[in-house]
C-alpha cells in the first residue's frame, strides 16, 4: 500500500467519525504533518486573508461555510489600508 493510499484510508476513517480533515500540500512551515483532523466543536480558528478591497471566491465561501457547519470559527480578515503600494 502506498503512502497516498494509506492517507486516503485514514481520511475516510476520520471523516466517518465526524472529523473535518485537511490534507496539507504546501504550508509556510516545514515539517508540518500531512493531515489536520479537527473534531466537531473544537477551538480551532481559520482565517481567510484578503486585501482591503479583496473578494472571497465562490470556492472560498463554500469552504468557510463548510468549516462553520462543523462548529469551527472562521473569519475573513482584511488588512488595513496603507499609503504604500506593497
Protein backbone atom coordinates (compact mmCIF):
# COMPACT_ATOMS: atom_id res chain seq x y z
CA UNK A 1 0.00 0.00 0.00
CA UNK A 2 1.41 3.40 -0.95
CA UNK A 3 1.55 6.33 1.46
CA UNK A 4 -1.13 8.07 -0.60
CA UNK A 5 -3.43 5.04 -0.27
CA UNK A 6 -2.82 4.92 3.47
CA UNK A 7 -3.63 8.64 3.74
CA UNK A 8 -6.84 8.18 1.74
CA UNK A 9 -7.91 5.33 4.01
CA UNK A 10 -7.17 7.38 7.14
CA UNK A 11 -9.04 10.40 5.77
CA UNK A 12 -12.13 8.30 5.08
CA UNK A 13 -11.92 6.71 8.53
CA UNK A 14 -11.60 10.06 10.32
CA UNK A 15 -14.37 11.70 8.27
CA UNK A 16 -16.68 8.78 9.06
CA UNK A 17 -16.09 9.61 12.74
CA UNK A 18 -17.11 13.26 12.17
CA UNK A 19 -13.69 14.86 11.79
CA UNK A 20 -13.08 17.64 9.27
CA UNK A 21 -9.87 16.52 7.55
CA UNK A 22 -7.49 18.70 5.55
CA UNK A 23 -4.50 17.38 3.60
CA UNK A 24 -1.77 19.97 3.65
CA UNK A 25 0.20 20.17 0.44
CA UNK A 26 2.16 23.39 0.80
CA UNK A 27 2.43 25.37 4.01
CA UNK A 28 4.59 28.14 5.39
CA UNK A 29 6.03 25.77 7.99
CA UNK A 30 8.43 22.96 7.14
CA UNK A 31 7.74 19.66 8.83
CA UNK A 32 4.00 20.18 9.29
CA UNK A 33 2.16 16.83 9.33
CA UNK A 34 0.30 15.77 6.17
CA UNK A 35 -3.21 15.99 7.61
CA UNK A 36 -5.18 18.12 10.02
CA UNK A 37 -8.07 16.26 11.66
CA UNK A 38 -10.38 18.62 13.51
CA UNK A 39 -13.08 17.22 15.79
CA UNK A 40 -16.50 18.85 15.89
CA UNK A 41 -16.89 21.98 18.00
CA UNK A 42 -13.17 22.40 18.58
CA UNK A 43 -11.48 25.69 19.34
CA UNK A 44 -9.64 25.78 16.00
CA UNK A 45 -9.87 29.05 14.06
CA UNK A 46 -9.37 29.62 10.33
CA UNK A 47 -8.70 33.00 8.74
CA UNK A 48 -9.06 33.87 5.07
CA UNK A 49 -6.79 36.87 4.44
CA UNK A 50 -7.71 39.42 1.78
CA UNK A 51 -6.63 42.90 0.73
CA UNK A 52 -8.98 45.60 1.99
CA UNK A 53 -10.95 45.56 -1.28
CA UNK A 54 -10.38 41.86 -1.97
CA UNK A 55 -13.23 39.45 -2.59
CA UNK A 56 -13.79 35.92 -1.43
CA UNK A 57 -14.20 33.43 -4.29
CA UNK A 58 -17.20 31.11 -4.51
CA UNK A 59 -14.98 28.16 -3.54
CA UNK A 60 -13.61 30.08 -0.55
CA UNK A 61 -17.17 30.97 0.52
CA UNK A 62 -18.10 27.30 0.30
CA UNK A 63 -15.12 26.22 2.39
CA UNK A 64 -15.79 28.88 5.04
CA UNK A 65 -19.43 27.75 5.31
CA UNK A 66 -18.34 24.12 5.44
CA UNK A 67 -15.94 24.83 8.30
CA UNK A 68 -18.60 26.90 10.10
CA UNK A 69 -21.04 24.00 9.81
CA UNK A 70 -18.53 21.90 11.77
CA UNK A 71 -18.59 24.46 14.61
CA UNK A 72 -15.20 25.90 13.65
CA UNK A 73 -14.61 29.64 13.92
CA UNK A 74 -13.90 31.18 10.53
CA UNK A 75 -13.21 34.80 9.72
CA UNK A 76 -12.34 36.90 6.71
CA UNK A 77 -9.54 39.26 7.66
CA UNK A 78 -8.95 42.31 5.53
CA UNK A 79 -5.74 44.22 6.07
CA UNK A 80 -5.76 47.89 6.94
CA UNK A 81 -5.30 50.30 4.01
CA UNK A 82 -1.89 51.94 3.94
CA UNK A 83 -0.30 54.61 1.78
CA UNK A 84 2.39 52.31 0.37
CA UNK A 85 1.68 50.04 -2.58
CA UNK A 86 3.42 46.97 -1.18
